N, C-alpha and C. Protein backbone atom coordinates (compact mmCIF):
# COMPACT_ATOMS: atom_id res chain seq x y z
N MET A 1 6.85 -20.16 -53.25
CA MET A 1 6.50 -20.98 -54.39
C MET A 1 5.53 -22.07 -53.93
N SER A 2 4.63 -22.44 -54.79
CA SER A 2 3.61 -23.42 -54.42
C SER A 2 4.11 -24.85 -54.64
N TYR A 3 3.46 -25.77 -53.97
CA TYR A 3 3.80 -27.18 -54.11
C TYR A 3 3.62 -27.64 -55.55
N VAL A 4 2.51 -27.24 -56.18
CA VAL A 4 2.24 -27.66 -57.55
C VAL A 4 3.33 -27.16 -58.48
N SER A 5 3.71 -25.90 -58.37
CA SER A 5 4.77 -25.35 -59.21
C SER A 5 6.09 -26.07 -58.99
N ASP A 6 6.37 -26.40 -57.74
CA ASP A 6 7.62 -27.10 -57.42
C ASP A 6 7.63 -28.54 -57.93
N SER A 7 6.46 -29.14 -58.13
CA SER A 7 6.40 -30.54 -58.53
C SER A 7 6.34 -30.74 -60.05
N LEU A 8 6.37 -29.65 -60.80
CA LEU A 8 6.30 -29.77 -62.26
C LEU A 8 7.58 -30.36 -62.82
N GLY A 9 7.42 -31.27 -63.78
CA GLY A 9 8.56 -31.85 -64.48
C GLY A 9 8.95 -30.99 -65.67
N PRO A 10 10.02 -31.36 -66.37
CA PRO A 10 10.43 -30.60 -67.55
C PRO A 10 9.33 -30.61 -68.62
N GLY A 11 8.99 -29.44 -69.11
CA GLY A 11 7.97 -29.32 -70.13
C GLY A 11 6.54 -29.43 -69.65
N GLU A 12 6.34 -29.63 -68.36
CA GLU A 12 4.99 -29.77 -67.79
C GLU A 12 4.44 -28.39 -67.44
N THR A 13 3.17 -28.18 -67.72
CA THR A 13 2.54 -26.90 -67.43
C THR A 13 1.27 -27.11 -66.62
N ILE A 14 0.87 -26.07 -65.89
CA ILE A 14 -0.38 -26.10 -65.14
C ILE A 14 -1.51 -25.74 -66.11
N VAL A 15 -2.50 -26.63 -66.20
CA VAL A 15 -3.64 -26.43 -67.09
C VAL A 15 -4.77 -25.73 -66.35
N HIS A 16 -4.98 -26.10 -65.09
CA HIS A 16 -6.10 -25.55 -64.32
C HIS A 16 -5.78 -25.64 -62.83
N GLU A 17 -6.10 -24.58 -62.10
CA GLU A 17 -5.97 -24.59 -60.65
C GLU A 17 -7.35 -24.35 -60.05
N ALA A 18 -7.67 -25.11 -59.02
CA ALA A 18 -8.97 -24.99 -58.35
C ALA A 18 -8.75 -24.55 -56.90
N THR A 19 -9.84 -24.12 -56.27
CA THR A 19 -9.77 -23.67 -54.88
C THR A 19 -10.89 -24.33 -54.08
N ILE A 20 -10.76 -24.21 -52.78
CA ILE A 20 -11.82 -24.64 -51.89
C ILE A 20 -12.88 -23.55 -51.90
N HIS A 21 -14.14 -23.94 -51.91
CA HIS A 21 -15.25 -23.00 -52.01
C HIS A 21 -15.40 -22.18 -50.73
N TRP A 22 -15.91 -20.96 -50.88
CA TRP A 22 -16.09 -20.06 -49.73
C TRP A 22 -17.09 -20.59 -48.71
N VAL A 23 -17.91 -21.56 -49.07
CA VAL A 23 -18.93 -22.08 -48.16
C VAL A 23 -18.31 -22.73 -46.91
N VAL A 24 -17.02 -23.07 -46.96
CA VAL A 24 -16.38 -23.65 -45.77
C VAL A 24 -16.32 -22.66 -44.60
N TYR A 25 -16.53 -21.37 -44.90
CA TYR A 25 -16.51 -20.36 -43.85
C TYR A 25 -17.87 -20.12 -43.21
N VAL A 26 -18.94 -20.66 -43.79
CA VAL A 26 -20.30 -20.32 -43.34
C VAL A 26 -20.53 -20.72 -41.89
N TRP A 27 -20.36 -22.00 -41.55
CA TRP A 27 -20.64 -22.43 -40.17
C TRP A 27 -19.70 -21.79 -39.14
N PRO A 28 -18.40 -21.67 -39.43
CA PRO A 28 -17.57 -20.95 -38.46
C PRO A 28 -18.01 -19.49 -38.27
N LEU A 29 -18.43 -18.82 -39.34
CA LEU A 29 -18.92 -17.44 -39.20
C LEU A 29 -20.21 -17.38 -38.41
N VAL A 30 -21.11 -18.33 -38.64
CA VAL A 30 -22.35 -18.40 -37.86
C VAL A 30 -22.01 -18.58 -36.38
N ALA A 31 -21.04 -19.45 -36.10
CA ALA A 31 -20.64 -19.68 -34.71
C ALA A 31 -20.09 -18.40 -34.07
N VAL A 32 -19.30 -17.64 -34.81
CA VAL A 32 -18.75 -16.38 -34.29
C VAL A 32 -19.89 -15.39 -34.02
N ILE A 33 -20.83 -15.28 -34.97
CA ILE A 33 -21.94 -14.33 -34.81
C ILE A 33 -22.82 -14.70 -33.61
N VAL A 34 -23.08 -15.99 -33.42
CA VAL A 34 -23.87 -16.43 -32.27
C VAL A 34 -23.09 -16.26 -30.97
N ALA A 35 -21.80 -16.49 -31.00
CA ALA A 35 -20.98 -16.42 -29.78
C ALA A 35 -20.74 -14.99 -29.31
N LEU A 36 -20.84 -14.01 -30.19
CA LEU A 36 -20.60 -12.62 -29.77
C LEU A 36 -21.55 -12.16 -28.67
N PRO A 37 -22.88 -12.26 -28.85
CA PRO A 37 -23.76 -11.83 -27.74
C PRO A 37 -23.69 -12.77 -26.54
N VAL A 38 -23.41 -14.04 -26.79
CA VAL A 38 -23.27 -14.99 -25.68
C VAL A 38 -22.06 -14.60 -24.83
N ALA A 39 -20.97 -14.22 -25.49
CA ALA A 39 -19.77 -13.79 -24.76
C ALA A 39 -20.06 -12.54 -23.94
N TRP A 40 -20.86 -11.64 -24.48
CA TRP A 40 -21.20 -10.41 -23.78
C TRP A 40 -22.06 -10.68 -22.54
N GLY A 41 -23.02 -11.62 -22.69
CA GLY A 41 -23.96 -11.85 -21.60
C GLY A 41 -23.55 -12.90 -20.59
N PHE A 42 -22.69 -13.80 -20.96
CA PHE A 42 -22.34 -14.92 -20.07
C PHE A 42 -20.83 -15.04 -19.89
N TRP A 43 -20.20 -13.94 -19.54
CA TRP A 43 -18.75 -13.97 -19.33
C TRP A 43 -18.42 -14.79 -18.11
N PRO A 44 -17.43 -15.62 -18.04
CA PRO A 44 -16.34 -15.93 -18.95
C PRO A 44 -16.64 -17.11 -19.88
N TRP A 45 -17.73 -17.87 -19.61
CA TRP A 45 -18.01 -19.04 -20.46
C TRP A 45 -18.35 -18.64 -21.88
N GLY A 46 -19.04 -17.56 -22.04
CA GLY A 46 -19.33 -17.06 -23.38
C GLY A 46 -18.07 -16.64 -24.12
N GLY A 47 -17.09 -16.15 -23.36
CA GLY A 47 -15.79 -15.80 -23.96
C GLY A 47 -15.08 -17.02 -24.49
N LEU A 48 -15.20 -18.14 -23.76
CA LEU A 48 -14.62 -19.39 -24.24
C LEU A 48 -15.30 -19.85 -25.52
N ALA A 49 -16.63 -19.70 -25.56
CA ALA A 49 -17.37 -20.07 -26.78
C ALA A 49 -16.93 -19.20 -27.96
N LEU A 50 -16.75 -17.90 -27.72
CA LEU A 50 -16.30 -17.00 -28.78
C LEU A 50 -14.89 -17.36 -29.24
N ALA A 51 -14.01 -17.67 -28.29
CA ALA A 51 -12.64 -18.05 -28.65
C ALA A 51 -12.64 -19.33 -29.50
N ALA A 52 -13.50 -20.30 -29.12
CA ALA A 52 -13.58 -21.53 -29.90
C ALA A 52 -14.11 -21.26 -31.31
N ALA A 53 -15.09 -20.38 -31.43
CA ALA A 53 -15.65 -20.05 -32.75
C ALA A 53 -14.62 -19.34 -33.61
N VAL A 54 -13.87 -18.41 -33.03
CA VAL A 54 -12.83 -17.71 -33.78
C VAL A 54 -11.73 -18.68 -34.19
N LEU A 55 -11.38 -19.61 -33.33
CA LEU A 55 -10.39 -20.64 -33.67
C LEU A 55 -10.89 -21.50 -34.83
N TRP A 56 -12.16 -21.89 -34.80
CA TRP A 56 -12.76 -22.67 -35.88
C TRP A 56 -12.67 -21.90 -37.21
N LEU A 57 -12.96 -20.61 -37.18
CA LEU A 57 -12.87 -19.78 -38.38
C LEU A 57 -11.42 -19.70 -38.87
N ALA A 58 -10.49 -19.56 -37.95
CA ALA A 58 -9.07 -19.50 -38.33
C ALA A 58 -8.60 -20.81 -38.95
N VAL A 59 -9.04 -21.93 -38.39
CA VAL A 59 -8.67 -23.24 -38.95
C VAL A 59 -9.25 -23.40 -40.35
N ALA A 60 -10.51 -23.00 -40.57
CA ALA A 60 -11.12 -23.07 -41.90
C ALA A 60 -10.33 -22.23 -42.89
N TRP A 61 -9.94 -21.03 -42.48
CA TRP A 61 -9.15 -20.16 -43.36
C TRP A 61 -7.80 -20.81 -43.68
N PHE A 62 -7.12 -21.32 -42.66
CA PHE A 62 -5.80 -21.92 -42.85
C PHE A 62 -5.88 -23.14 -43.76
N LEU A 63 -6.86 -24.01 -43.53
CA LEU A 63 -7.01 -25.20 -44.37
C LEU A 63 -7.32 -24.82 -45.82
N SER A 64 -8.12 -23.81 -46.00
CA SER A 64 -8.44 -23.38 -47.35
C SER A 64 -7.22 -22.78 -48.05
N ARG A 65 -6.39 -22.07 -47.32
CA ARG A 65 -5.20 -21.45 -47.91
C ARG A 65 -4.05 -22.42 -48.13
N THR A 66 -4.02 -23.52 -47.41
CA THR A 66 -2.93 -24.47 -47.57
C THR A 66 -3.31 -25.66 -48.46
N THR A 67 -4.47 -25.59 -49.09
CA THR A 67 -4.90 -26.64 -50.00
C THR A 67 -4.63 -26.18 -51.43
N GLU A 68 -3.97 -27.04 -52.20
CA GLU A 68 -3.70 -26.75 -53.60
C GLU A 68 -4.30 -27.87 -54.44
N LEU A 69 -5.04 -27.49 -55.47
CA LEU A 69 -5.66 -28.45 -56.37
C LEU A 69 -5.35 -28.01 -57.79
N ALA A 70 -4.81 -28.91 -58.59
CA ALA A 70 -4.42 -28.51 -59.94
C ALA A 70 -4.46 -29.68 -60.91
N VAL A 71 -4.64 -29.32 -62.16
CA VAL A 71 -4.50 -30.26 -63.27
C VAL A 71 -3.32 -29.73 -64.07
N THR A 72 -2.33 -30.58 -64.31
CA THR A 72 -1.21 -30.18 -65.15
C THR A 72 -1.31 -30.93 -66.47
N SER A 73 -0.38 -30.71 -67.34
CA SER A 73 -0.39 -31.38 -68.63
C SER A 73 -0.07 -32.87 -68.50
N ARG A 74 0.35 -33.32 -67.29
CA ARG A 74 0.69 -34.73 -67.09
C ARG A 74 -0.02 -35.41 -65.93
N LYS A 75 -0.57 -34.63 -64.96
CA LYS A 75 -1.13 -35.27 -63.76
C LYS A 75 -2.18 -34.40 -63.10
N VAL A 76 -2.89 -35.02 -62.15
CA VAL A 76 -3.81 -34.32 -61.26
C VAL A 76 -3.11 -34.26 -59.91
N VAL A 77 -3.07 -33.08 -59.31
CA VAL A 77 -2.35 -32.88 -58.05
C VAL A 77 -3.31 -32.30 -57.02
N ALA A 78 -3.29 -32.88 -55.82
CA ALA A 78 -4.02 -32.33 -54.68
C ALA A 78 -3.07 -32.35 -53.49
N LYS A 79 -2.97 -31.21 -52.79
CA LYS A 79 -2.09 -31.11 -51.63
C LYS A 79 -2.85 -30.42 -50.51
N TRP A 80 -2.78 -31.02 -49.32
CA TRP A 80 -3.41 -30.47 -48.12
C TRP A 80 -2.34 -30.31 -47.06
N GLY A 81 -2.44 -29.24 -46.29
CA GLY A 81 -1.56 -29.07 -45.14
C GLY A 81 -0.40 -28.15 -45.41
N PHE A 82 0.28 -27.79 -44.32
CA PHE A 82 1.40 -26.86 -44.40
C PHE A 82 2.68 -27.53 -43.94
N ILE A 83 2.75 -27.88 -42.68
CA ILE A 83 3.92 -28.59 -42.17
C ILE A 83 3.73 -30.09 -42.34
N ALA A 84 2.63 -30.61 -41.81
CA ALA A 84 2.26 -32.00 -42.07
C ALA A 84 1.46 -31.97 -43.37
N ARG A 85 1.98 -32.58 -44.40
CA ARG A 85 1.42 -32.45 -45.74
C ARG A 85 0.93 -33.80 -46.25
N SER A 86 -0.23 -33.77 -46.90
CA SER A 86 -0.75 -34.95 -47.60
C SER A 86 -0.91 -34.57 -49.07
N THR A 87 -0.44 -35.44 -49.94
CA THR A 87 -0.54 -35.15 -51.36
C THR A 87 -1.03 -36.36 -52.14
N ILE A 88 -1.65 -36.06 -53.26
CA ILE A 88 -2.02 -37.08 -54.24
C ILE A 88 -1.57 -36.54 -55.59
N GLU A 89 -0.82 -37.34 -56.31
CA GLU A 89 -0.43 -36.99 -57.66
C GLU A 89 -0.78 -38.19 -58.53
N GLN A 90 -1.78 -38.04 -59.38
CA GLN A 90 -2.24 -39.13 -60.23
C GLN A 90 -1.91 -38.78 -61.68
N ARG A 91 -1.09 -39.62 -62.32
CA ARG A 91 -0.75 -39.39 -63.73
C ARG A 91 -2.00 -39.53 -64.58
N LEU A 92 -2.12 -38.69 -65.58
CA LEU A 92 -3.32 -38.68 -66.42
C LEU A 92 -3.56 -40.01 -67.12
N GLU A 93 -2.48 -40.72 -67.47
CA GLU A 93 -2.64 -42.03 -68.13
C GLU A 93 -3.30 -43.05 -67.21
N LYS A 94 -3.19 -42.83 -65.91
CA LYS A 94 -3.71 -43.77 -64.93
C LYS A 94 -5.11 -43.40 -64.43
N VAL A 95 -5.65 -42.26 -64.86
CA VAL A 95 -6.98 -41.84 -64.43
C VAL A 95 -8.04 -42.62 -65.21
N ASP A 96 -8.91 -43.32 -64.47
CA ASP A 96 -10.00 -44.07 -65.10
C ASP A 96 -11.25 -43.22 -65.22
N SER A 97 -11.58 -42.49 -64.16
CA SER A 97 -12.77 -41.65 -64.19
C SER A 97 -12.66 -40.56 -63.13
N VAL A 98 -13.50 -39.55 -63.30
CA VAL A 98 -13.57 -38.45 -62.34
C VAL A 98 -15.04 -38.29 -61.98
N ALA A 99 -15.35 -38.50 -60.70
CA ALA A 99 -16.73 -38.40 -60.23
C ALA A 99 -16.94 -37.08 -59.50
N VAL A 100 -18.10 -36.48 -59.72
CA VAL A 100 -18.47 -35.24 -59.04
C VAL A 100 -19.72 -35.51 -58.22
N ASP A 101 -19.67 -35.20 -56.93
CA ASP A 101 -20.83 -35.33 -56.04
C ASP A 101 -21.22 -33.93 -55.58
N GLN A 102 -22.48 -33.57 -55.86
CA GLN A 102 -22.99 -32.27 -55.43
C GLN A 102 -24.36 -32.45 -54.79
N THR A 103 -24.55 -31.80 -53.67
CA THR A 103 -25.88 -31.74 -53.06
C THR A 103 -26.69 -30.68 -53.80
N PHE A 104 -27.96 -30.53 -53.41
CA PHE A 104 -28.78 -29.48 -54.01
C PHE A 104 -28.14 -28.11 -53.76
N LEU A 105 -27.73 -27.86 -52.52
CA LEU A 105 -27.09 -26.59 -52.19
C LEU A 105 -25.77 -26.44 -52.95
N GLY A 106 -25.07 -27.54 -53.12
CA GLY A 106 -23.82 -27.51 -53.89
C GLY A 106 -24.06 -27.13 -55.34
N ARG A 107 -25.15 -27.60 -55.92
CA ARG A 107 -25.49 -27.23 -57.30
C ARG A 107 -25.82 -25.75 -57.38
N VAL A 108 -26.58 -25.26 -56.40
CA VAL A 108 -26.98 -23.85 -56.41
C VAL A 108 -25.77 -22.94 -56.23
N LEU A 109 -24.89 -23.28 -55.28
CA LEU A 109 -23.74 -22.43 -54.97
C LEU A 109 -22.48 -22.83 -55.72
N ASP A 110 -22.55 -23.89 -56.52
CA ASP A 110 -21.45 -24.36 -57.37
C ASP A 110 -20.23 -24.84 -56.58
N PHE A 111 -20.47 -25.82 -55.69
CA PHE A 111 -19.38 -26.51 -55.02
C PHE A 111 -19.73 -27.98 -54.90
N GLY A 112 -18.72 -28.80 -54.65
CA GLY A 112 -18.97 -30.23 -54.49
C GLY A 112 -17.68 -30.97 -54.22
N ASN A 113 -17.81 -32.29 -54.21
CA ASN A 113 -16.66 -33.17 -53.99
C ASN A 113 -16.29 -33.82 -55.32
N VAL A 114 -15.00 -33.86 -55.61
CA VAL A 114 -14.50 -34.50 -56.81
C VAL A 114 -13.67 -35.70 -56.38
N THR A 115 -13.94 -36.85 -57.00
CA THR A 115 -13.17 -38.06 -56.70
C THR A 115 -12.51 -38.54 -57.98
N VAL A 116 -11.18 -38.63 -57.95
CA VAL A 116 -10.43 -39.12 -59.10
C VAL A 116 -10.18 -40.62 -58.88
N HIS A 117 -10.74 -41.43 -59.77
CA HIS A 117 -10.56 -42.88 -59.69
C HIS A 117 -9.47 -43.26 -60.68
N GLY A 118 -8.53 -44.06 -60.23
CA GLY A 118 -7.47 -44.47 -61.13
C GLY A 118 -6.67 -45.62 -60.59
N THR A 119 -5.72 -46.03 -61.39
CA THR A 119 -4.84 -47.13 -61.03
C THR A 119 -3.74 -46.60 -60.12
N GLY A 120 -3.46 -47.31 -59.05
CA GLY A 120 -2.33 -46.95 -58.21
C GLY A 120 -2.66 -46.13 -56.98
N ILE A 121 -3.86 -45.56 -56.88
CA ILE A 121 -4.23 -44.83 -55.67
C ILE A 121 -5.63 -45.22 -55.27
N ASN A 122 -5.92 -45.08 -54.01
CA ASN A 122 -7.30 -45.23 -53.57
C ASN A 122 -8.07 -44.01 -54.04
N ALA A 123 -9.33 -44.20 -54.35
CA ALA A 123 -10.16 -43.06 -54.76
C ALA A 123 -10.32 -42.14 -53.57
N THR A 124 -9.74 -40.96 -53.66
CA THR A 124 -9.80 -40.01 -52.57
C THR A 124 -10.61 -38.80 -52.99
N PRO A 125 -11.67 -38.47 -52.24
CA PRO A 125 -12.45 -37.29 -52.62
C PRO A 125 -11.73 -35.99 -52.26
N ILE A 126 -11.84 -35.05 -53.15
CA ILE A 126 -11.36 -33.70 -52.89
C ILE A 126 -12.61 -32.92 -52.51
N LYS A 127 -12.72 -32.58 -51.24
CA LYS A 127 -13.97 -32.04 -50.70
C LYS A 127 -14.08 -30.53 -50.83
N MET A 128 -15.32 -30.10 -51.04
CA MET A 128 -15.71 -28.68 -51.04
C MET A 128 -14.95 -27.86 -52.08
N ILE A 129 -14.77 -28.41 -53.26
CA ILE A 129 -14.07 -27.71 -54.32
C ILE A 129 -15.03 -26.75 -55.03
N ALA A 130 -14.54 -25.58 -55.35
CA ALA A 130 -15.34 -24.61 -56.10
C ALA A 130 -15.36 -25.03 -57.56
N ASP A 131 -16.52 -24.96 -58.19
CA ASP A 131 -16.73 -25.29 -59.60
C ASP A 131 -16.18 -26.68 -59.95
N PRO A 132 -16.74 -27.72 -59.33
CA PRO A 132 -16.21 -29.07 -59.55
C PRO A 132 -16.39 -29.57 -60.98
N LEU A 133 -17.42 -29.11 -61.67
CA LEU A 133 -17.63 -29.55 -63.05
C LEU A 133 -16.53 -29.03 -63.97
N ALA A 134 -16.06 -27.81 -63.73
CA ALA A 134 -14.94 -27.27 -64.51
C ALA A 134 -13.67 -28.07 -64.24
N PHE A 135 -13.46 -28.47 -62.98
CA PHE A 135 -12.28 -29.26 -62.64
C PHE A 135 -12.33 -30.59 -63.39
N ARG A 136 -13.48 -31.27 -63.37
CA ARG A 136 -13.62 -32.54 -64.09
C ARG A 136 -13.40 -32.33 -65.59
N ARG A 137 -13.97 -31.28 -66.15
CA ARG A 137 -13.82 -30.99 -67.57
C ARG A 137 -12.35 -30.76 -67.93
N LYS A 138 -11.62 -30.05 -67.08
CA LYS A 138 -10.20 -29.80 -67.34
C LYS A 138 -9.38 -31.08 -67.25
N VAL A 139 -9.73 -31.97 -66.31
CA VAL A 139 -9.04 -33.27 -66.25
C VAL A 139 -9.28 -34.04 -67.54
N GLU A 140 -10.54 -34.10 -67.98
CA GLU A 140 -10.87 -34.83 -69.21
C GLU A 140 -10.18 -34.21 -70.42
N GLN A 141 -10.13 -32.88 -70.51
CA GLN A 141 -9.44 -32.23 -71.61
C GLN A 141 -7.95 -32.52 -71.59
N ALA A 142 -7.35 -32.52 -70.41
CA ALA A 142 -5.92 -32.82 -70.29
C ALA A 142 -5.63 -34.26 -70.69
N ILE A 143 -6.53 -35.19 -70.34
CA ILE A 143 -6.36 -36.59 -70.74
C ILE A 143 -6.42 -36.70 -72.26
N GLU A 144 -7.40 -36.05 -72.87
CA GLU A 144 -7.53 -36.08 -74.34
C GLU A 144 -6.31 -35.45 -75.01
N ALA A 145 -5.85 -34.32 -74.49
CA ALA A 145 -4.66 -33.67 -75.06
C ALA A 145 -3.44 -34.57 -74.94
N ARG A 146 -3.34 -35.28 -73.83
CA ARG A 146 -2.21 -36.20 -73.60
C ARG A 146 -2.26 -37.37 -74.59
N ARG A 147 -3.48 -37.87 -74.87
CA ARG A 147 -3.63 -38.97 -75.84
C ARG A 147 -3.29 -38.51 -77.25
N ASP A 148 -3.69 -37.28 -77.58
CA ASP A 148 -3.41 -36.76 -78.91
C ASP A 148 -1.92 -36.58 -79.16
N VAL A 149 -1.17 -36.21 -78.12
CA VAL A 149 0.27 -36.01 -78.23
C VAL A 149 0.99 -37.35 -78.31
N GLY A 150 0.55 -38.30 -77.45
CA GLY A 150 1.24 -39.60 -77.34
C GLY A 150 0.78 -40.54 -78.30
């Protein structure tokens, strides 16, 4: 069971779930591709470079799989980590704004950083999120739906 599902209160539903963008794998994959011929030609040091590149790729995969990002009917939730866990849960009533930062490449490939500004937490960016504009739109829609109900 996921952290977000476990943290739902009575009557609370998940409105939107987001993921980390696939671009987080690009540099580790480049490192593996470059390290392969280096490992072949400069053994054992090249083997160490290949092992480091494969480890970097594994860490990127693990971090991407252990990150949960969601908008529920009552809050915005972000969770990083597996054993050592960091979480942010911001109630929708306390959200002041949602900022999206995208580079040119981020606009082209549709990824960026989302920062939820609100009362009670420091503004923490959620980095390398896929489709950050949809995430912001879902937060805004959930806030409006919450106001209409309350």
